[in-house]
PDB file of N, CA and C in Angstrom:
ATOM      1  N   MET A   1     -11.449 -15.542 -14.101  1.00  0.00           N
ATOM      2  CA  MET A   1     -12.405 -16.303 -13.722  1.00  0.00           C
ATOM      3  C   MET A   1     -13.801 -15.562 -14.543  1.00  0.00           C
ATOM      4  N   LEU A   2     -14.482 -16.258 -14.754  1.00  0.00           N
ATOM      5  CA  LEU A   2     -15.809 -15.754 -15.676  1.00  0.00           C
ATOM      6  C   LEU A   2     -17.301 -15.810 -14.797  1.00  0.00           C
ATOM      7  N   CYS A   3     -17.910 -15.107 -15.012  1.00  0.00           N
ATOM      8  CA  CYS A   3     -19.423 -15.139 -14.172  1.00  0.00           C
ATOM      9  C   CYS A   3     -20.214 -16.139 -14.846  1.00  0.00           C
ATOM     10  N   PRO A   4     -20.891 -16.981 -13.841  1.00  0.00           N
ATOM     11  CA  PRO A   4     -21.730 -17.677 -14.730  1.00  0.00           C
ATOM     12  C   PRO A   4     -23.055 -17.505 -15.452  1.00  0.00           C
ATOM     13  N   LYS A   5     -23.421 -16.271 -14.896  1.00  0.00           N
ATOM     14  CA  LYS A   5     -24.519 -15.359 -15.487  1.00  0.00           C
ATOM     15  C   LYS A   5     -24.433 -15.111 -16.527  1.00  0.00           C
ATOM     16  N   CYS A   6     -23.409 -14.249 -16.722  1.00  0.00           N
ATOM     17  CA  CYS A   6     -23.334 -13.464 -18.261  1.00  0.00           C
ATOM     18  C   CYS A   6     -21.819 -13.331 -18.788  1.00  0.00           C
ATOM     19  N   GLY A   7     -20.832 -14.371 -18.287  1.00  0.00           N
ATOM     20  CA  GLY A   7     -19.898 -14.850 -18.781  1.00  0.00           C
ATOM     21  C   GLY A   7     -18.578 -13.658 -18.778  1.00  0.00           C
ATOM     22  N   ASP A   8     -19.042 -12.802 -18.116  1.00  0.00           N
ATOM     23  CA  ASP A   8     -18.066 -11.334 -18.213  1.00  0.00           C
ATOM     24  C   ASP A   8     -16.909 -11.469 -17.239  1.00  0.00           C
ATOM     25  N   SER A   9     -15.723 -11.309 -17.453  1.00  0.00           N
ATOM     26  CA  SER A   9     -14.785 -11.555 -16.737  1.00  0.00           C
ATOM     27  C   SER A   9     -14.102 -10.677 -15.784  1.00  0.00           C
ATOM     28  N   HIS A  10     -14.943  -9.224 -15.701  1.00  0.00           N
ATOM     29  CA  HIS A  10     -14.819  -8.210 -14.197  1.00  0.00           C
ATOM     30  C   HIS A  10     -15.576  -9.162 -13.348  1.00  0.00           C
ATOM     31  N   VAL A  11     -14.963  -9.551 -12.466  1.00  0.00           N
ATOM     32  CA  VAL A  11     -15.507  -9.965 -11.156  1.00  0.00           C
ATOM     33  C   VAL A  11     -14.353  -9.684 -10.326  1.00  0.00           C
ATOM     34  N   ARG A  12     -15.285  -9.513  -8.813  1.00  0.00           N
ATOM     35  CA  ARG A  12     -14.137  -9.228  -7.787  1.00  0.00           C
ATOM     36  C   ARG A  12     -14.540 -10.334  -6.582  1.00  0.00           C
ATOM     37  N   PRO A  13     -13.737 -10.163  -5.414  1.00  0.00           N
ATOM     38  CA  PRO A  13     -13.807 -10.938  -4.258  1.00  0.00           C
ATOM     39  C   PRO A  13     -15.748 -10.023  -3.390  1.00  0.00           C
ATOM     40  N   SER A  14     -16.462 -10.912  -3.066  1.00  0.00           N
ATOM     41  CA  SER A  14     -17.562 -10.226  -2.553  1.00  0.00           C
ATOM     42  C   SER A  14     -17.205 -10.510  -0.884  1.00  0.00           C
ATOM     43  N   LYS A  15     -17.835  -9.540  -0.219  1.00  0.00           N
ATOM     44  CA  LYS A  15     -17.892  -9.536   1.347  1.00  0.00           C
ATOM     45  C   LYS A  15     -18.300 -10.860   1.568  1.00  0.00           C
ATOM     46  N   ARG A  16     -18.145 -11.495   2.758  1.00  0.00           N
ATOM     47  CA  ARG A  16     -18.957 -12.500   3.794  1.00  0.00           C
ATOM     48  C   ARG A  16     -20.386 -12.342   3.878  1.00  0.00           C
ATOM     49  N   LEU A  17     -21.251 -12.776   3.724  1.00  0.00           N
ATOM     50  CA  LEU A  17     -22.592 -11.833   4.144  1.00  0.00           C
ATOM     51  C   LEU A  17     -23.345 -12.771   5.038  1.00  0.00           C
ATOM     52  N   ALA A  18     -23.373 -14.327   5.006  1.00  0.00           N
ATOM     53  CA  ALA A  18     -23.830 -15.286   5.346  1.00  0.00           C
ATOM     54  C   ALA A  18     -22.840 -16.305   6.060  1.00  0.00           C
ATOM     55  N   PRO A  19     -23.320 -17.033   7.230  1.00  0.00           N
ATOM     56  CA  PRO A  19     -22.658 -18.157   7.928  1.00  0.00           C
ATOM     57  C   PRO A  19     -22.282 -18.859   6.790  1.00  0.00           C
ATOM     58  N   ALA A  20     -22.732 -19.412   5.817  1.00  0.00           N
ATOM     59  CA  ALA A  20     -23.055 -20.670   4.581  1.00  0.00           C
ATOM     60  C   ALA A  20     -21.580 -20.063   4.093  1.00  0.00           C
ATOM     61  N   ASP A  21     -21.322 -18.720   4.003  1.00  0.00           N
ATOM     62  CA  ASP A  21     -19.657 -18.858   3.197  1.00  0.00           C
ATOM     63  C   ASP A  21     -18.886 -19.283   3.737  1.00  0.00           C
ATOM     64  N   ILE A  22     -18.687 -19.411   5.075  1.00  0.00           N
ATOM     65  CA  ILE A  22     -17.549 -20.015   5.972  1.00  0.00           C
ATOM     66  C   ILE A  22     -17.675 -21.078   5.468  1.00  0.00           C
ATOM     67  N   VAL A  23     -18.649 -22.017   5.447  1.00  0.00           N
ATOM     68  CA  VAL A  23     -18.672 -23.522   4.865  1.00  0.00           C
ATOM     69  C   VAL A  23     -17.932 -23.472   3.501  1.00  0.00           C
ATOM     70  N   HIS A  24     -18.475 -22.579   2.259  1.00  0.00           N
ATOM     71  CA  HIS A  24     -17.879 -22.628   1.622  1.00  0.00           C
ATOM     72  C   HIS A  24     -16.361 -22.001   1.594  1.00  0.00           C
ATOM     73  N   ARG A  25     -15.880 -21.550   2.147  1.00  0.00           N
ATOM     74  CA  ARG A  25     -14.668 -21.300   2.433  1.00  0.00           C
ATOM     75  C   ARG A  25     -13.491 -22.339   2.974  1.00  0.00           C
ATOM     76  N   PHE A  26     -14.222 -23.343   4.021  1.00  0.00           N
ATOM     77  CA  PHE A  26     -13.738 -24.678   4.203  1.00  0.00           C
ATOM     78  C   PHE A  26     -13.551 -25.730   2.946  1.00  0.00           C
ATOM     79  N   LYS A  27     -14.107 -25.437   2.122  1.00  0.00           N
ATOM     80  CA  LYS A  27     -14.384 -26.044   0.725  1.00  0.00           C
ATOM     81  C   LYS A  27     -13.243 -25.521  -0.475  1.00  0.00           C
ATOM     82  N   SER A  28     -12.572 -24.507   0.022  1.00  0.00           N
ATOM     83  CA  SER A  28     -11.404 -23.848  -0.579  1.00  0.00           C
ATOM     84  C   SER A  28     -12.342 -23.207  -1.753  1.00  0.00           C
ATOM     85  N   GLU A  29     -13.877 -22.292  -1.588  1.00  0.00           N
ATOM     86  CA  GLU A  29     -14.129 -21.381  -2.441  1.00  0.00           C
ATOM     87  C   GLU A  29     -14.500 -20.090  -1.797  1.00  0.00           C
ATOM     88  N   GLU A  30     -14.556 -19.260  -2.558  1.00  0.00           N
ATOM     89  CA  GLU A  30     -14.700 -18.019  -2.124  1.00  0.00           C
ATOM     90  C   GLU A  30     -15.948 -17.167  -2.848  1.00  0.00           C
ATOM     91  N   ALA A  31     -16.540 -16.240  -2.266  1.00  0.00           N
ATOM     92  CA  ALA A  31     -17.489 -15.559  -2.665  1.00  0.00           C
ATOM     93  C   ALA A  31     -16.756 -14.585  -4.073  1.00  0.00           C
ATOM     94  N   TYR A  32     -17.808 -14.642  -5.018  1.00  0.00           N
ATOM     95  CA  TYR A  32     -17.307 -13.339  -5.903  1.00  0.00           C
ATOM     96  C   TYR A  32     -18.579 -12.506  -6.718  1.00  0.00           C
ATOM     97  N   ARG A  33     -18.040 -11.476  -7.093  1.00  0.00           N
ATOM     98  CA  ARG A  33     -19.234 -10.761  -7.637  1.00  0.00           C
ATOM     99  C   ARG A  33     -18.894 -10.311  -8.836  1.00  0.00           C
ATOM    100  N   CYS A  34     -19.699 -10.328  -9.827  1.00  0.00           N
ATOM    101  CA  CYS A  34     -19.668  -9.528 -11.019  1.00  0.00           C
ATOM    102  C   CYS A  34     -19.772  -8.445 -11.021  1.00  0.00           C
ATOM    103  N   ARG A  35     -19.052  -7.381 -11.821  1.00  0.00           N
ATOM    104  CA  ARG A  35     -19.371  -6.096 -12.069  1.00  0.00           C
ATOM    105  C   ARG A  35     -20.213  -5.477 -13.205  1.00  0.00           C
ATOM    106  N   GLU A  36     -20.422  -6.612 -13.543  1.00  0.00           N
ATOM    107  CA  GLU A  36     -21.479  -6.302 -14.661  1.00  0.00           C
ATOM    108  C   GLU A  36     -22.861  -6.458 -14.662  1.00  0.00           C
ATOM    109  N   CYS A  37     -23.051  -7.941 -14.246  1.00  0.00           N
ATOM    110  CA  CYS A  37     -24.800  -8.007 -13.608  1.00  0.00           C
ATOM    111  C   CYS A  37     -24.537  -8.296 -12.214  1.00  0.00           C
ATOM    112  N   HIS A  38     -23.835  -7.976 -11.404  1.00  0.00           N
ATOM    113  CA  HIS A  38     -23.607  -7.961  -9.867  1.00  0.00           C
ATOM    114  C   HIS A  38     -24.239  -9.427  -9.721  1.00  0.00           C
ATOM    115  N   ALA A  39     -23.972 -10.353 -10.307  1.00  0.00           N
ATOM    116  CA  ALA A  39     -24.229 -11.553  -9.652  1.00  0.00           C
ATOM    117  C   ALA A  39     -23.410 -12.403  -8.574  1.00  0.00           C
ATOM    118  N   ARG A  40     -23.782 -12.968  -7.613  1.00  0.00           N
ATOM    119  CA  ARG A  40     -22.755 -13.498  -6.650  1.00  0.00           C
ATOM    120  C   ARG A  40     -22.663 -14.988  -6.275  1.00  0.00           C
ATOM    121  N   PHE A  41     -21.763 -15.360  -6.963  1.00  0.00           N
ATOM    122  CA  PHE A  41     -21.052 -16.989  -6.755  1.00  0.00           C
ATOM    123  C   PHE A  41     -20.340 -17.743  -6.278  1.00  0.00           C
ATOM    124  N   PHE A  42     -19.769 -18.726  -6.236  1.00  0.00           N
ATOM    125  CA  PHE A  42     -18.374 -19.044  -5.593  1.00  0.00           C
ATOM    126  C   PHE A  42     -17.572 -19.822  -6.299  1.00  0.00           C
ATOM    127  N   GLY A  43     -16.442 -19.321  -6.355  1.00  0.00           N
ATOM    128  CA  GLY A  43     -15.246 -20.327  -7.133  1.00  0.00           C
ATOM    129  C   GLY A  43     -14.086 -20.324  -6.184  1.00  0.00           C
ATOM    130  N   PRO A  44     -12.702 -20.873  -7.094  1.00  0.00           N
ATOM    131  CA  PRO A  44     -12.019 -21.552  -6.207  1.00  0.00           C
ATOM    132  C   PRO A  44     -11.516 -19.944  -5.710  1.00  0.00           C
ATOM    133  N   VAL A  45     -10.596 -20.384  -4.655  1.00  0.00           N
ATOM    134  CA  VAL A  45      -9.908 -19.098  -3.841  1.00  0.00           C
ATOM    135  C   VAL A  45      -8.926 -18.550  -4.302  1.00  0.00           C
ATOM    136  N   ASP A  46      -8.791 -17.026  -4.481  1.00  0.00           N
ATOM    137  CA  ASP A  46      -7.830 -16.663  -5.130  1.00  0.00           C
ATOM    138  C   ASP A  46      -6.913 -16.472  -4.337  1.00  0.00           C
ATOM    139  N   PRO A  47      -5.298 -16.994  -4.521  1.00  0.00           N
ATOM    140  CA  PRO A  47      -4.205 -16.889  -3.520  1.00  0.00           C
ATOM    141  C   PRO A  47      -3.731 -15.587  -3.402  1.00  0.00           C
ATOM    142  N   ARG A  48      -3.899 -14.622  -4.226  1.00  0.00           N
ATOM    143  CA  ARG A  48      -3.939 -13.096  -3.698  1.00  0.00           C
ATOM    144  C   ARG A  48      -4.659 -12.749  -2.550  1.00  0.00           C
ATOM    145  N   THR A  49      -6.027 -13.389  -1.794  1.00  0.00           N
ATOM    146  CA  THR A  49      -6.682 -12.677  -0.829  1.00  0.00           C
ATOM    147  C   THR A  49      -6.698 -13.724   0.364  1.00  0.00           C
ATOM    148  N   THR A  50      -5.648 -14.688   0.120  1.00  0.00           N
ATOM    149  CA  THR A  50      -5.323 -14.969   1.572  1.00  0.00           C
ATOM    150  C   THR A  50      -4.851 -14.347   2.497  1.00  0.00           C
ATOM    151  N   TRP A  51      -4.865 -14.742   4.015  1.00  0.00           N
ATOM    152  CA  TRP A  51      -4.453 -13.475   4.966  1.00  0.00           C
ATOM    153  C   TRP A  51      -2.748 -13.733   4.752  1.00  0.00           C
ATOM    154  N   ILE A  52      -2.126 -14.518   4.248  1.00  0.00           N
ATOM    155  CA  ILE A  52      -0.961 -14.872   4.010  1.00  0.00           C
ATOM    156  C   ILE A  52      -0.266 -13.853   3.104  1.00  0.00           C
ATOM    157  N   ALA A  53      -0.957 -13.958   1.898  1.00  0.00           N
ATOM    158  CA  ALA A  53      -1.061 -12.747   0.717  1.00  0.00           C
ATOM    159  C   ALA A  53      -1.029 -11.430   1.402  1.00  0.00           C
ATOM    160  N   ARG A  54      -1.764 -11.422   2.059  1.00  0.00           N
ATOM    161  CA  ARG A  54      -2.391  -9.671   2.595  1.00  0.00           C
ATOM    162  C   ARG A  54      -1.147  -9.467   3.418  1.00  0.00           C
ATOM    163  N   PHE A  55      -0.817 -10.191   4.506  1.00  0.00           N
ATOM    164  CA  PHE A  55       0.325 -10.047   5.227  1.00  0.00           C
ATOM    165  C   PHE A  55       1.363  -9.834   4.504  1.00  0.00           C
ATOM    166  N   GLN A  56       2.131 -10.515   3.345  1.00  0.00           N
ATOM    167  CA  GLN A  56       3.207 -10.330   2.926  1.00  0.00           C
ATOM    168  C   GLN A  56       3.067  -8.668   1.945  1.00  0.00           C
ATOM    169  N   ARG A  57       2.159  -8.344   1.494  1.00  0.00           N
ATOM    170  CA  ARG A  57       1.818  -7.323   0.569  1.00  0.00           C
ATOM    171  C   ARG A  57       1.727  -5.977   1.829  1.00  0.00           C
ATOM    172  N   GLN A  58       1.576  -6.225   3.075  1.00  0.00           N
ATOM    173  CA  GLN A  58       1.442  -5.211   4.278  1.00  0.00           C
ATOM    174  C   GLN A  58       2.842  -5.226   4.738  1.00  0.00           C
ATOM    175  N   PHE A  59       3.265  -6.145   4.862  1.00  0.00           N
ATOM    176  CA  PHE A  59       4.874  -5.871   4.900  1.00  0.00           C
ATOM    177  C   PHE A  59       5.512  -5.372   4.002  1.00  0.00           C
ATOM    178  N   ALA A  60       5.508  -5.788   2.636  1.00  0.00           N
ATOM    179  CA  ALA A  60       6.311  -5.181   1.818  1.00  0.00           C
ATOM    180  C   ALA A  60       6.149  -3.762   1.557  1.00  0.00           C
ATOM    181  N   THR A  61       5.034  -2.888   1.518  1.00  0.00           N
ATOM    182  CA  THR A  61       4.689  -1.489   1.500  1.00  0.00           C
ATOM    183  C   THR A  61       5.301  -1.102   3.057  1.00  0.00           C
ATOM    184  N   HIS A  62       5.212  -1.634   3.946  1.00  0.00           N
ATOM    185  CA  HIS A  62       5.909  -1.475   5.451  1.00  0.00           C
ATOM    186  C   HIS A  62       6.946  -1.033   4.881  1.00  0.00           C
ATOM    187  N   ARG A  63       7.918  -2.006   3.978  1.00  0.00           N
ATOM    188  CA  ARG A  63       9.761  -2.195   3.719  1.00  0.00           C
ATOM    189  C   ARG A  63       9.400  -0.956   3.120  1.00  0.00           C
ATOM    190  N   GLU A  64       9.045  -1.021   2.155  1.00  0.00           N
ATOM    191  CA  GLU A  64       8.685   0.157   0.752  1.00  0.00           C
ATOM    192  C   GLU A  64       9.042   1.399   1.747  1.00  0.00           C
ATOM    193  N   ARG A  65       7.902   2.156   2.409  1.00  0.00           N
ATOM    194  CA  ARG A  65       7.790   3.022   3.250  1.00  0.00           C
ATOM    195  C   ARG A  65       9.114   3.188   3.789  1.00  0.00           C
ATOM    196  N   GLU A  66       9.657   2.194   4.543  1.00  0.00           N
ATOM    197  CA  GLU A  66      11.102   2.477   5.371  1.00  0.00           C
ATOM    198  C   GLU A  66      12.135   2.819   4.317  1.00  0.00           C
ATOM    199  N   ARG A  67      12.161   2.041   3.262  1.00  0.00           N
ATOM    200  CA  ARG A  67      12.821   2.574   2.028  1.00  0.00           C
ATOM    201  C   ARG A  67      12.976   3.776   1.513  1.00  0.00           C
ATOM    202  N   LEU A  68      11.666   4.454   1.498  1.00  0.00           N
ATOM    203  CA  LEU A  68      11.560   5.696   0.796  1.00  0.00           C
ATOM    204  C   LEU A  68      12.048   6.608   1.935  1.00  0.00           C
ATOM    205  N   LYS A  69      11.880   6.245   3.133  1.00  0.00           N
ATOM    206  CA  LYS A  69      12.258   7.419   4.334  1.00  0.00           C
ATOM    207  C   LYS A  69      13.770   7.427   4.220  1.00  0.00           C
ATOM    208  N   LEU A  70      14.293   6.435   4.199  1.00  0.00           N
ATOM    209  CA  LEU A  70      15.870   6.384   3.982  1.00  0.00           C
ATOM    210  C   LEU A  70      16.245   7.107   3.055  1.00  0.00           C
ATOM    211  N   LYS A  71      15.378   7.152   2.069  1.00  0.00           N
ATOM    212  CA  LYS A  71      16.045   7.680   0.725  1.00  0.00           C
ATOM    213  C   LYS A  71      15.901   9.071   0.977  1.00  0.00           C
ATOM    214  N   LEU A  72      14.923   9.582   1.207  1.00  0.00           N
ATOM    215  CA  LEU A  72      14.235  11.113   1.607  1.00  0.00           C
ATOM    216  C   LEU A  72      15.432  11.803   2.967  1.00  0.00           C
ATOM    217  N   ARG A  73      15.425  10.881   3.402  1.00  0.00           N
ATOM    218  CA  ARG A  73      16.424  11.316   4.509  1.00  0.00           C
ATOM    219  C   ARG A  73      17.953  11.484   4.027  1.00  0.00           C
ATOM    220  N   SER A  74      18.308  10.605   3.311  1.00  0.00           N
ATOM    221  CA  SER A  74      19.561  10.697   2.210  1.00  0.00           C
ATOM    222  C   SER A  74      19.675  12.020   1.553  1.00  0.00           C
ATOM    223  N   LYS A  75      18.371  12.224   1.048  1.00  0.00           N
ATOM    224  CA  LYS A  75      18.391  13.156   0.128  1.00  0.00           C
ATOM    225  C   LYS A  75      18.657  14.736   0.785  1.00  0.00           C
ATOM    226  N   LEU A  76      17.730  14.725   1.983  1.00  0.00           N
ATOM    227  CA  LEU A  76      17.503  15.814   2.724  1.00  0.00           C
ATOM    228  C   LEU A  76      18.881  16.364   3.568  1.00  0.00           C
ATOM    229  N   THR A  77      19.514  15.140   3.948  1.00  0.00           N
ATOM    230  CA  THR A  77      20.879  15.717   5.078  1.00  0.00           C
ATOM    231  C   THR A  77      21.748  16.686   4.451  1.00  0.00           C
ATOM    232  N   PRO A  78      21.771  16.693   2.908  1.00  0.00           N
ATOM    233  CA  PRO A  78      22.928  17.715   2.301  1.00  0.00           C
ATOM    234  C   PRO A  78      22.278  18.898   2.423  1.00  0.00           C
ATOM    235  N   VAL A  79      20.963  19.139   2.050  1.00  0.00           N
ATOM    236  CA  VAL A  79      20.244  20.487   2.138  1.00  0.00           C
ATOM    237  C   VAL A  79      20.341  20.988   3.301  1.00  0.00           C
ATOM    238  N   ILE A  80      19.868  20.375   4.690  1.00  0.00           N
ATOM    239  CA  ILE A  80      20.093  20.852   6.020  1.00  0.00           C
ATOM    240  C   ILE A  80      21.122  21.029   6.012  1.00  0.00           C
ATOM    241  N   LEU A  81      22.710  20.317   5.751  1.00  0.00           N
ATOM    242  CA  LEU A  81      23.991  20.686   6.057  1.00  0.00           C
ATOM    243  C   LEU A  81      24.136  22.220   5.450  1.00  0.00           C
ATOM    244  N   PHE A  82      23.690  22.138   4.104  1.00  0.00           N
ATOM    245  CA  PHE A  82      23.920  23.533   3.480  1.00  0.00           C
ATOM    246  C   PHE A  82      23.325  24.839   4.209  1.00  0.00           C
ATOM    247  N   GLY A  83      21.918  24.075   4.770  1.00  0.00           N
ATOM    248  CA  GLY A  83      21.343  25.468   5.381  1.00  0.00           C
ATOM    249  C   GLY A  83      21.856  25.593   6.517  1.00  0.00           C
ATOM    250  N   ILE A  84      22.349  25.162   7.523  1.00  0.00           N
ATOM    251  CA  ILE A  84      23.287  25.205   8.466  1.00  0.00           C
ATOM    252  C   ILE A  84      24.548  26.005   8.300  1.00  0.00           C
ATOM    253  N   GLY A  85      25.190  25.490   7.178  1.00  0.00           N
ATOM    254  CA  GLY A  85      26.548  26.479   7.030  1.00  0.00           C
ATOM    255  C   GLY A  85      26.335  27.754   6.481  1.00  0.00           C
ATOM    256  N   LEU A  86      25.287  27.966   5.858  1.00  0.00           N
ATOM    257  CA  LEU A  86      24.612  29.524   5.491  1.00  0.00           C
ATOM    258  C   LEU A  86      24.479  29.915   6.394  1.00  0.00           C
ATOM    259  N   ALA A  87      23.986  29.732   7.504  1.00  0.00           N
ATOM    260  CA  ALA A  87      23.575  30.644   8.861  1.00  0.00           C
ATOM    261  C   ALA A  87      24.470  30.905   9.290  1.00  0.00           C
ATOM    262  N   VAL A  88      25.215  29.651   9.711  1.00  0.00           N
ATOM    263  CA  VAL A  88      26.706  29.986  10.249  1.00  0.00           C
ATOM    264  C   VAL A  88      27.326  30.991   9.790  1.00  0.00           C
ATOM    265  N   PHE A  89      27.389  31.072   8.377  1.00  0.00           N
ATOM    266  CA  PHE A  89      28.005  32.281   7.322  1.00  0.00           C
ATOM    267  C   PHE A  89      28.117  33.378   7.599  1.00  0.00           C
ATOM    268  N   ALA A  90      26.114  33.437   7.623  1.00  0.00           N
ATOM    269  CA  ALA A  90      25.646  34.606   7.569  1.00  0.00           C
ATOM    270  C   ALA A  90      25.823  35.123   9.159  1.00  0.00           C
ATOM    271  N   VAL A  91      25.686  34.734  10.207  1.00  0.00           N
ATOM    272  CA  VAL A  91      26.269  34.644  11.845  1.00  0.00           C
ATOM    273  C   VAL A  91      27.322  35.471  11.867  1.00  0.00           C
ATOM    274  N   PHE A  92      28.514  35.218  10.920  1.00  0.00           N
ATOM    275  CA  PHE A  92      29.979  35.057  10.853  1.00  0.00           C
ATOM    276  C   PHE A  92      30.098  36.737  10.048  1.00  0.00           C
ATOM    277  N   LEU A  93      29.501  36.949   9.006  1.00  0.00           N
ATOM    278  CA  LEU A  93      29.640  37.983   8.378  1.00  0.00           C
ATOM    279  C   LEU A  93      29.048  38.981   9.143  1.00  0.00           C
ATOM    280  N   ARG A  94      27.805  38.708   9.721  1.00  0.00           N
ATOM    281  CA  ARG A  94      27.319  39.828  10.815  1.00  0.00           C
ATOM    282  C   ARG A  94      28.222  40.673  11.867  1.00  0.00           C
ATOM    283  N   TYR A  95      28.924  39.267  12.492  1.00  0.00           N
ATOM    284  CA  TYR A  95      30.115  39.580  13.025  1.00  0.00           C
ATOM    285  C   TYR A  95      30.993  40.250  12.821  1.00  0.00           C
ATOM    286  N   LEU A  96      31.439  39.610  11.816  1.00  0.00           N
ATOM    287  CA  LEU A  96      32.666  40.846  11.134  1.00  0.00           C
ATOM    288  C   LEU A  96      32.132  42.255  10.592  1.00  0.00           C
ATOM    289  N   SER A  97      30.981  42.467  10.591  1.00  0.00           N
ATOM    290  CA  SER A  97      30.683  43.787   9.938  1.00  0.00           C
ATOM    291  C   SER A  97      30.315  44.609  11.441  1.00  0.00           C
ATOM    292  N   SER A  98      29.837  43.987  12.159  1.00  0.00           N
ATOM    293  CA  SER A  98      29.538  45.097  13.693  1.00  0.00           C
ATOM    294  C   SER A  98      30.896  45.698  13.992  1.00  0.00           C
ATOM    295  N   PHE A  99      32.220  45.499  13.257  1.00  0.00           N
ATOM    296  CA  PHE A  99      33.279  45.947  13.834  1.00  0.00           C
ATOM    297  C   PHE A  99      33.602  47.078  13.237  1.00  0.00           C
ATOM    298  N   SER A 100      32.877  47.507  11.782  1.00  0.00           N
ATOM    299  CA  SER A 100      33.106  48.616  11.534  1.00  0.00           C
ATOM    300  C   SER A 100      32.341  49.754  11.565  1.00  0.00           C
TER     301      SER A 100
END
């Protein structure tokens, strides 16, 4: 997408500012703002900004978080078991040394 004022390609979706923006949304147009000249204009709807795409991204990040939790849990389990075993061994050595 190019800015109609300066021709630059650094544009981003703009916030909805006026009720007219809703009318443009029904016409499958979305407000954009140029990062260089700050001009506001309307263009075709970016499929990445629809509510379905946002929901899918949010769900994907939720799945990724769950996957990372499982990975962390699987890596921490042996460390925790080793620590518990070491503590039990230390208590056992303390018990044995109390006889002498």
